Amino acid sequence: MNVSKSSQSTKKGDYVRVSTYPYKGDLGQVYELSGSGRIWVKVVPRVDYEMAMLYDQEERKARRKQRIVPPKKFFNVEEARAKHIDSSKRIHPRSGLTLDYVDALDQWFDNGYLV
């Protein structure tokens, strides 16, 4: 999860509150800081597998409008594969870190956390 606002006192390992949907109010930990002031936060994900399995763009838009907030649960590669959702290890283009990437969700994970 990438946040663009930064305060001068924020450092790696600090805990922060997330202010964007669907993680609003969730506790996150500062994972990385970039030179441009961007903050990478890791949080326990709220993976919406049903959304990931929708291929029709109109259905995806309708589900987003419902603003369903899935429960917090660590990402599990085996569970995703059981639901026919593929993930792969990739190098993140901005951070250079090797993370699990789920194309259907367009999200990056590290040890079960959303990054």
Protein backbone atom coordinates (compact mmCIF):
# COMPACT_ATOMS: atom_id res chain seq x y z
CA MET A 1 0.00 0.00 0.00
CA ASN A 2 1.47 3.29 -1.08
CA VAL A 3 0.75 6.58 0.68
CA SER A 4 1.86 9.90 -0.74
CA LYS A 5 1.68 12.19 2.30
CA SER A 6 4.58 12.05 4.70
CA SER A 7 5.53 13.82 7.90
CA GLN A 8 9.16 14.55 8.71
CA SER A 9 9.10 12.36 11.83
CA THR A 10 7.85 9.16 10.14
CA LYS A 11 10.44 6.40 10.02
CA LYS A 12 10.58 2.74 9.01
CA GLY A 13 8.85 0.52 11.58
CA ASP A 14 6.47 3.23 12.88
CA TYR A 15 2.79 2.36 13.20
CA VAL A 16 0.24 4.50 11.39
CA ARG A 17 -3.52 4.61 10.86
CA VAL A 18 -4.68 4.15 7.28
CA SER A 19 -7.18 6.73 6.04
CA THR A 20 -8.35 5.26 2.73
CA TYR A 21 -11.09 2.75 1.89
CA PRO A 22 -11.25 -0.23 2.51
CA TYR A 23 -8.47 0.01 5.13
CA LYS A 24 -9.73 3.20 6.80
CA GLY A 25 -8.93 3.05 10.49
CA ASP A 26 -6.74 -0.06 10.20
CA LEU A 27 -3.33 -0.10 11.82
CA GLY A 28 -0.39 -0.35 9.44
CA GLN A 29 3.38 -0.37 9.76
CA VAL A 30 5.75 1.80 7.73
CA TYR A 31 7.54 -0.68 5.46
CA GLU A 32 9.69 1.56 3.26
CA LEU A 33 10.33 5.26 2.76
CA SER A 34 11.33 6.64 -0.62
CA GLY A 35 13.42 9.69 -1.33
CA SER A 36 10.42 11.36 -2.98
CA GLY A 37 8.43 11.38 0.27
CA ARG A 38 6.33 8.30 -0.50
CA ILE A 39 5.58 5.92 2.36
CA TRP A 40 5.02 2.19 1.88
CA VAL A 41 2.74 0.76 4.54
CA LYS A 42 2.07 -2.90 5.21
CA VAL A 43 -1.33 -3.90 6.58
CA VAL A 44 -3.27 -7.10 7.13
CA PRO A 45 -5.10 -7.37 3.80
CA ARG A 46 -8.80 -7.40 3.17
CA VAL A 47 -8.67 -9.66 0.11
CA ASP A 48 -11.89 -9.76 -1.91
CA TYR A 49 -11.59 -13.08 -3.76
CA GLU A 50 -15.05 -12.65 -5.27
CA MET A 51 -13.92 -9.41 -6.92
CA ALA A 52 -10.80 -11.14 -8.20
CA MET A 53 -12.91 -13.81 -9.90
CA LEU A 54 -15.09 -11.27 -11.75
CA TYR A 55 -13.97 -10.79 -15.34
CA ASP A 56 -16.77 -8.51 -16.53
CA GLN A 57 -15.80 -4.86 -15.96
CA GLU A 58 -19.40 -3.78 -15.37
CA GLU A 59 -19.78 -6.37 -12.60
CA ARG A 60 -16.51 -5.19 -11.04
CA LYS A 61 -17.72 -1.56 -11.07
CA ALA A 62 -21.04 -2.58 -9.48
CA ARG A 63 -19.22 -4.50 -6.71
CA ARG A 64 -16.91 -1.54 -6.02
CA LYS A 65 -19.92 0.76 -5.67
CA GLN A 66 -21.33 -1.52 -2.97
CA ARG A 67 -18.19 -0.70 -0.92
CA ILE A 68 -18.06 -4.14 0.65
CA VAL A 69 -15.28 -4.34 3.23
CA PRO A 70 -13.96 -7.92 3.44
CA PRO A 71 -12.66 -9.17 6.80
CA LYS A 72 -8.96 -8.87 7.66
CA LYS A 73 -7.04 -12.01 6.82
CA PHE A 74 -3.43 -12.69 5.92
CA PHE A 75 -2.92 -13.47 2.24
CA ASN A 76 -2.31 -17.17 1.63
CA VAL A 77 -0.93 -18.27 -1.75
CA GLU A 78 -2.40 -21.77 -1.40
CA GLU A 79 -5.89 -20.43 -0.62
CA ALA A 80 -5.70 -18.12 -3.64
CA ARG A 81 -4.64 -21.00 -5.90
CA ALA A 82 -7.53 -23.12 -4.58
CA LYS A 83 -9.83 -20.34 -5.82
CA HIS A 84 -8.00 -20.36 -9.19
CA ILE A 85 -6.31 -17.02 -8.53
CA ASP A 86 -2.65 -17.06 -9.54
CA SER A 87 0.16 -15.24 -7.80
CA SER A 88 3.81 -15.00 -8.66
CA LYS A 89 7.02 -13.65 -7.17
CA ARG A 90 7.99 -10.44 -8.95
CA ILE A 91 10.27 -7.51 -8.43
CA HIS A 92 8.19 -4.46 -7.58
CA PRO A 93 8.90 -1.74 -10.17
CA ARG A 94 9.10 1.16 -7.69
CA SER A 95 10.68 -0.42 -4.63
CA GLY A 96 12.86 -3.12 -6.21
CA LEU A 97 11.67 -5.62 -3.58
CA THR A 98 10.72 -9.20 -4.49
CA LEU A 99 7.08 -9.66 -3.49
CA ASP A 100 4.08 -11.87 -4.27
CA TYR A 101 1.97 -10.23 -6.98
CA VAL A 102 -1.67 -11.13 -7.65
CA ASP A 103 -2.62 -9.93 -11.12
CA ALA A 104 -6.38 -10.41 -10.63
CA LEU A 105 -6.28 -8.08 -7.59
CA ASP A 106 -3.43 -5.85 -8.82
CA GLN A 107 -1.93 -6.07 -5.32
CA TRP A 108 1.48 -6.86 -3.83
CA PHE A 109 2.02 -9.01 -0.73
CA ASP A 110 4.94 -9.80 1.58
CA ASN A 111 4.63 -12.67 4.07
CA GLY A 112 0.83 -12.38 4.03
CA TYR A 113 0.76 -8.58 4.44
CA LEU A 114 -0.49 -6.19 1.79
CA VAL A 115 2.32 -3.83 0.84
